Protein backbone atom coordinates (compact mmCIF):
# COMPACT_ATOMS: atom_id res chain seq x y z
CA MET A 1 63.05 -88.20 -143.23
CA LYS A 2 60.52 -88.53 -140.41
CA GLY A 3 61.34 -85.33 -138.80
CA GLU A 4 60.89 -83.75 -141.82
CA ARG A 5 57.89 -85.14 -142.42
CA LEU A 6 56.55 -84.47 -138.93
CA LYS A 7 57.62 -80.62 -139.66
CA SER A 8 56.09 -80.35 -143.22
CA ALA A 9 52.44 -82.09 -141.36
CA LYS A 10 52.73 -79.34 -138.66
CA ALA A 11 53.27 -76.43 -141.19
CA ALA A 12 50.54 -77.82 -143.47
CA ARG A 13 48.14 -78.25 -140.30
CA VAL A 14 49.13 -74.13 -139.25
CA ARG A 15 48.76 -73.33 -142.44
CA ASN A 16 45.24 -74.84 -143.23
CA ASN A 17 44.32 -73.26 -139.85
CA VAL A 18 45.01 -70.07 -140.56
CA LEU A 19 43.11 -70.17 -143.77
CA ILE A 20 40.37 -71.42 -141.97
CA HIS A 21 40.27 -68.46 -139.50
CA ILE A 22 40.62 -65.97 -142.24
CA LEU A 23 37.54 -67.34 -144.21
CA LEU A 24 35.78 -67.38 -140.68
CA ALA A 25 37.09 -63.84 -140.03
CA VAL A 26 35.87 -62.49 -143.55
CA LEU A 27 32.50 -64.33 -142.90
CA ALA A 28 31.97 -62.56 -139.34
CA PHE A 29 32.91 -59.30 -140.52
CA ILE A 30 30.21 -60.00 -143.56
CA TRP A 31 27.56 -61.13 -140.97
CA VAL A 32 28.39 -57.86 -138.52
CA PHE A 33 28.52 -55.13 -140.70
CA PRO A 34 25.09 -54.86 -141.77
CA VAL A 35 24.52 -54.80 -138.17
CA LEU A 36 26.76 -51.79 -137.34
CA TRP A 37 25.64 -50.26 -140.63
CA VAL A 38 22.52 -49.77 -138.67
CA ILE A 39 23.37 -49.08 -135.22
CA MET A 40 25.79 -46.14 -136.54
CA THR A 41 22.61 -44.97 -138.63
CA SER A 42 20.72 -44.96 -135.63
CA PHE A 43 22.88 -42.34 -134.16
CA ARG A 44 23.21 -40.45 -137.54
CA ALA A 45 22.41 -36.68 -137.02
CA GLU A 46 22.24 -35.72 -140.81
CA LYS A 47 19.06 -37.26 -142.46
CA GLY A 48 17.88 -38.86 -145.25
CA SER A 49 18.42 -42.28 -147.04
CA TYR A 50 21.01 -41.50 -149.71
CA ILE A 51 24.02 -42.02 -147.07
CA SER A 52 27.18 -43.25 -148.35
CA THR A 53 29.95 -43.07 -145.10
CA PHE A 54 29.94 -45.49 -142.15
CA PHE A 55 30.36 -42.85 -139.51
CA PRO A 56 28.24 -40.46 -138.91
CA HIS A 57 29.33 -36.52 -139.09
CA ALA A 58 27.63 -36.08 -136.02
CA PHE A 59 25.98 -38.05 -133.68
CA THR A 60 22.65 -37.67 -131.82
CA LEU A 61 19.71 -38.99 -129.69
CA ALA A 62 17.11 -37.39 -131.80
CA ASN A 63 16.34 -40.21 -134.00
CA TYR A 64 15.36 -42.49 -131.04
CA THR A 65 13.59 -39.50 -129.19
CA LYS A 66 11.51 -38.92 -132.51
CA LEU A 67 10.23 -42.52 -132.20
CA PHE A 68 8.43 -41.64 -128.94
CA THR A 69 7.67 -38.09 -129.43
CA ASP A 70 6.50 -37.95 -132.83
CA THR A 71 3.30 -39.66 -132.94
CA THR A 72 1.42 -37.81 -135.34
CA ILE A 73 2.54 -39.68 -138.67
CA LEU A 74 3.71 -43.27 -137.07
CA ASN A 75 2.81 -43.93 -133.45
CA PHE A 76 6.05 -46.24 -132.38
CA PRO A 77 5.16 -46.95 -129.17
CA ARG A 78 1.65 -47.98 -129.64
CA MET A 79 2.91 -50.05 -132.33
CA PHE A 80 5.91 -51.52 -129.71
CA MET A 81 3.08 -52.05 -127.35
CA ASN A 82 0.59 -53.82 -129.66
CA THR A 83 3.51 -55.91 -130.66
CA LEU A 84 4.45 -56.97 -127.34
CA ILE A 85 1.39 -57.98 -126.29
CA ILE A 86 0.72 -60.14 -129.41
CA ALA A 87 4.30 -61.46 -128.79
CA ILE A 88 3.92 -62.07 -125.13
CA PHE A 89 0.38 -64.44 -125.47
CA SER A 90 0.98 -66.14 -128.86
CA CYS A 91 4.29 -67.23 -126.99
CA ILE A 92 1.98 -68.73 -123.71
CA MET A 93 -0.08 -70.29 -126.02
CA THR A 94 2.39 -71.57 -128.54
CA THR A 95 4.35 -73.03 -125.99
CA PHE A 96 1.30 -74.80 -124.25
CA PHE A 97 0.02 -76.37 -127.56
CA GLN A 98 3.41 -77.54 -128.98
CA LEU A 99 4.43 -78.93 -126.03
CA SER A 100 1.40 -80.66 -125.04
CA ALA A 101 0.89 -82.35 -128.69
CA SER A 102 4.83 -83.50 -128.19
CA PHE A 103 4.32 -84.72 -125.45
CA CYS A 104 0.95 -86.74 -126.32
CA LEU A 105 2.78 -87.89 -129.55
CA SER A 106 5.65 -88.93 -127.64
CA ARG A 107 4.22 -90.83 -124.87
CA MET A 108 1.16 -92.14 -126.00
CA ARG A 109 0.18 -94.89 -128.42
CA PHE A 110 -3.91 -93.89 -130.03
CA LYS A 111 -5.07 -94.29 -133.05
CA MET A 112 -4.50 -91.69 -136.26
CA ARG A 113 -1.45 -90.89 -134.55
CA LYS A 114 0.93 -92.05 -137.26
CA PRO A 115 -1.30 -90.45 -140.13
CA PHE A 116 -1.31 -87.13 -137.93
CA MET A 117 2.23 -86.68 -138.13
CA ASN A 118 2.30 -87.89 -141.68
CA MET A 119 -0.05 -84.83 -142.08
CA ALA A 120 1.81 -82.56 -140.24
CA MET A 121 5.40 -83.35 -141.53
CA ILE A 122 3.24 -82.75 -145.37
CA LEU A 123 2.06 -79.74 -144.23
CA GLY A 124 5.01 -78.00 -142.95
CA LEU A 125 6.71 -78.33 -146.28
CA PHE A 126 4.25 -75.35 -147.14
CA PRO A 127 4.82 -71.78 -146.10
CA GLY A 128 2.31 -70.76 -144.01
CA PHE A 129 1.68 -67.23 -145.98
CA MET A 130 -0.30 -69.39 -148.71
CA SER A 131 -3.55 -69.63 -146.20
CA MET A 132 -3.25 -65.73 -145.10
CA VAL A 133 -6.17 -65.00 -147.83
CA ALA A 134 -8.21 -67.75 -146.79
CA VAL A 135 -7.16 -67.28 -142.83
CA TYR A 136 -8.37 -63.34 -143.05
CA PHE A 137 -11.83 -64.29 -144.50
CA ILE A 138 -12.73 -66.43 -141.73
CA LEU A 139 -11.63 -64.26 -139.31
CA LYS A 140 -13.61 -62.00 -141.35
CA ALA A 141 -16.63 -63.60 -141.09
CA VAL A 142 -16.43 -63.79 -137.19
CA GLY A 143 -16.17 -60.55 -136.74
CA LEU A 144 -11.99 -60.46 -135.58
CA THR A 145 -10.83 -57.76 -138.30
CA GLU A 146 -11.61 -54.42 -136.72
CA GLY A 147 -10.61 -52.97 -133.76
CA ASN A 148 -8.58 -54.59 -130.50
CA LEU A 149 -9.99 -58.08 -131.77
CA ILE A 150 -7.64 -57.84 -134.70
CA ARG A 151 -4.67 -58.59 -131.85
CA PHE A 152 -6.76 -61.42 -130.91
CA ALA A 153 -6.70 -62.46 -134.50
CA LEU A 154 -3.26 -62.64 -134.49
CA VAL A 155 -2.58 -64.09 -131.38
CA LEU A 156 -4.91 -67.17 -133.19
CA CYS A 157 -3.21 -67.08 -136.17
CA TYR A 158 0.53 -67.42 -134.54
CA SER A 159 -0.51 -69.88 -132.21
CA GLY A 160 -3.55 -71.99 -133.95
CA SER A 161 -0.65 -73.73 -135.99
CA ALA A 162 1.31 -74.21 -133.31
CA ALA A 163 1.12 -78.66 -132.40
CA LEU A 164 1.97 -78.90 -136.18
CA GLY A 165 5.40 -77.61 -135.14
CA PHE A 166 6.04 -80.88 -132.76
CA GLN A 167 8.62 -82.94 -134.49
CA ILE A 168 11.66 -80.74 -132.40
CA ALA A 169 10.31 -81.11 -129.09
CA LYS A 170 9.03 -84.52 -129.67
CA GLY A 171 11.93 -85.88 -130.47
CA PHE A 172 13.67 -84.12 -127.15
CA PHE A 173 10.86 -85.97 -125.00
CA ASP A 174 11.47 -89.34 -126.94
CA THR A 175 15.26 -89.49 -125.43
CA THR A 176 13.35 -89.20 -121.85
CA PRO A 177 12.93 -93.08 -120.42
CA PHE A 178 9.55 -94.49 -120.43
CA ALA A 179 10.40 -96.51 -116.97
CA ILE A 180 9.76 -92.86 -115.43
CA ASP A 181 6.91 -92.50 -116.74
CA GLU A 182 6.15 -96.26 -116.26
CA ALA A 183 7.12 -96.00 -112.06
CA ALA A 184 5.04 -92.21 -111.89
CA THR A 185 1.99 -94.74 -112.85
CA LEU A 186 2.45 -97.37 -110.83
CA ASP A 187 2.50 -94.48 -108.05
CA GLY A 188 -1.02 -93.21 -109.20
CA CYS A 189 -0.19 -90.26 -110.83
CA THR A 190 -2.61 -89.10 -114.40
CA LYS A 191 -0.63 -88.46 -117.65
CA TRP A 192 -1.42 -84.81 -116.77
CA GLN A 193 0.91 -85.10 -113.61
CA ILE A 194 3.46 -86.75 -115.44
CA PHE A 195 3.54 -84.19 -117.82
CA THR A 196 3.67 -81.40 -115.75
CA LYS A 197 5.49 -82.44 -112.65
CA ILE A 198 8.08 -85.29 -114.09
CA THR A 199 8.56 -84.29 -117.84
CA LEU A 200 8.78 -80.61 -118.11
CA PRO A 201 11.15 -80.17 -115.04
CA LEU A 202 13.34 -82.85 -116.97
CA SER A 203 12.63 -80.54 -120.57
CA LYS A 204 14.12 -77.41 -119.66
CA PRO A 205 16.32 -77.09 -123.01
CA ILE A 206 13.43 -77.85 -125.62
CA ILE A 207 11.10 -75.52 -123.16
CA ILE A 208 13.62 -72.55 -123.53
CA TYR A 209 14.16 -72.94 -127.25
CA THR A 210 9.91 -73.46 -127.57
CA VAL A 211 9.71 -70.51 -125.85
CA LEU A 212 12.26 -68.12 -127.58
CA THR A 213 10.98 -69.46 -131.15
CA SER A 214 7.18 -68.79 -130.29
CA PHE A 215 8.17 -65.12 -129.00
CA ILE A 216 10.43 -64.30 -132.23
CA GLY A 217 8.28 -65.83 -134.80
CA PRO A 218 4.93 -62.65 -134.18
CA TRP A 219 7.49 -59.97 -132.75
CA VAL A 220 9.21 -59.51 -136.63
CA ASP A 221 6.26 -61.52 -138.48
CA PHE A 222 5.01 -58.91 -141.43
CA ILE A 223 2.98 -60.98 -143.75
CA PHE A 224 -0.02 -61.52 -141.42
CA ALA A 225 0.27 -58.69 -139.26
CA LYS A 226 -0.43 -56.77 -142.57
CA VAL A 227 -2.94 -58.83 -144.26
CA ILE A 228 -4.94 -58.75 -141.25
CA CYS A 229 -4.63 -55.37 -139.77
CA ARG A 230 -5.06 -53.79 -143.18
CA ALA A 231 -5.39 -49.79 -143.02
CA ASN A 232 -5.92 -50.24 -139.08
CA ALA A 233 -3.23 -47.86 -137.87
CA ASP A 234 -3.88 -47.90 -133.98
CA GLN A 235 -3.43 -52.09 -134.50
CA TYR A 236 -0.18 -51.77 -136.73
CA THR A 237 3.29 -54.08 -135.42
CA VAL A 238 6.65 -52.77 -135.51
CA ALA A 239 7.10 -55.01 -138.26
CA ILE A 240 4.11 -52.58 -140.20
CA GLY A 241 5.39 -49.33 -138.58
CA LEU A 242 8.97 -49.55 -140.25
CA TRP A 243 7.91 -50.72 -142.98
CA ARG A 244 5.81 -47.40 -143.56
CA MET A 245 9.05 -45.53 -142.42
CA LEU A 246 10.07 -46.95 -145.62
CA GLU A 247 7.51 -45.81 -148.26
CA LYS A 248 8.33 -43.14 -150.51
CA GLU A 249 6.93 -40.06 -148.85
CA TYR A 250 8.15 -40.95 -145.45
CA ILE A 251 11.68 -41.99 -146.07
CA ASP A 252 13.89 -38.92 -146.33
CA ASN A 253 12.42 -37.72 -142.43
CA TRP A 254 12.09 -41.46 -141.31
CA TYR A 255 14.92 -43.28 -142.44
CA THR A 256 17.58 -42.61 -139.44
CA SER A 257 14.68 -42.85 -136.87
CA PHE A 258 13.87 -46.62 -138.89
CA ALA A 259 17.46 -47.92 -137.89
CA ALA A 260 16.98 -46.63 -134.48
CA GLY A 261 13.58 -48.83 -134.39
CA ALA A 262 15.31 -51.86 -136.16
CA VAL A 263 17.95 -51.38 -132.94
CA LEU A 264 14.88 -51.11 -130.39
CA ILE A 265 13.01 -54.23 -131.41
CA SER A 266 16.00 -56.16 -131.22
CA ILE A 267 16.63 -55.69 -127.76
CA PRO A 268 13.30 -57.77 -126.23
CA ILE A 269 14.78 -60.53 -128.10
CA ALA A 270 18.38 -60.07 -126.82
CA ILE A 271 17.07 -59.56 -123.09
CA LEU A 272 14.90 -62.66 -123.40
CA PHE A 273 17.67 -65.15 -124.60
CA LEU A 274 20.39 -63.64 -122.04
CA ASN A 275 17.85 -64.53 -119.12
CA LEU A 276 16.79 -67.69 -120.74
CA GLN A 277 20.58 -68.84 -121.59
CA LYS A 278 21.98 -69.94 -118.41
CA PHE A 279 18.32 -72.37 -118.09
CA TYR A 280 18.77 -73.43 -121.43
CA VAL A 281 22.71 -74.96 -120.37
CA ASN A 282 21.74 -75.87 -117.23
CA GLY A 283 19.12 -78.05 -118.55
CA THR A 284 21.58 -79.57 -121.21
CA SER A 285 24.00 -80.33 -119.15
CA GLY A 286 21.70 -81.87 -116.51
CA ALA A 287 20.38 -83.90 -119.57
CA VAL A 288 23.77 -85.02 -120.44
CA LYS A 289 24.54 -85.98 -117.08
CA GLY A 290 21.01 -88.31 -116.81
């Protein structure tokens, strides 16, 4: 009887594992299929948006070439550079603001500390685009909605509220023993020296996480970029450019190039993630050992 129960339990476990793996395989296919569709479409020789076959009848690199050579209507290289500049500067400022605010809220005790955290939590419940009209008129009032200043305005938009996203980094800093700070203070270190020379070197995982999220946000944003850029085509970001490729007058000639552009804009994010992943893993292992 005992052997039969063991066999029955083993068979049930195998059956459950098979069902789970089948479900995971189906979910993985659902997730990967649109990505493969975009990649295949980017190499498709026939133009047009009404395509019913997965595999192209003929492969070509002309769609990628068109993005960088046909700049009469949509200047993709300029859009790409605009987005890259905005994302890099926004990433630097956002990372600094967010980590600094998180460190202050984690290690310091001051008046209005808890009310500020409660206020930030409440404000985080509202989507950022609710304020975009007010933000636009403020930027317009100070003359930041025309010419090259649009890029500066977008950097301000993306990094201005960075300190409100302190929750995750603060939680990480809370796990660092306070005894380290106390020992450094006894040795004569200032709060800035503790932050830069002790806390940050011990916080690689949260730094990498903050850098990745701070870069991806401006890189893929459409709403704020569209509102602030308006008709200034020379200041468009890739999100606006790809959206314009799907407009009625462009979609027939630019649909496959849109797919090529979608593939290209994923490359910087993939490179950034792959280069920073090892630091994230090493930092996590070091934190666990500590």
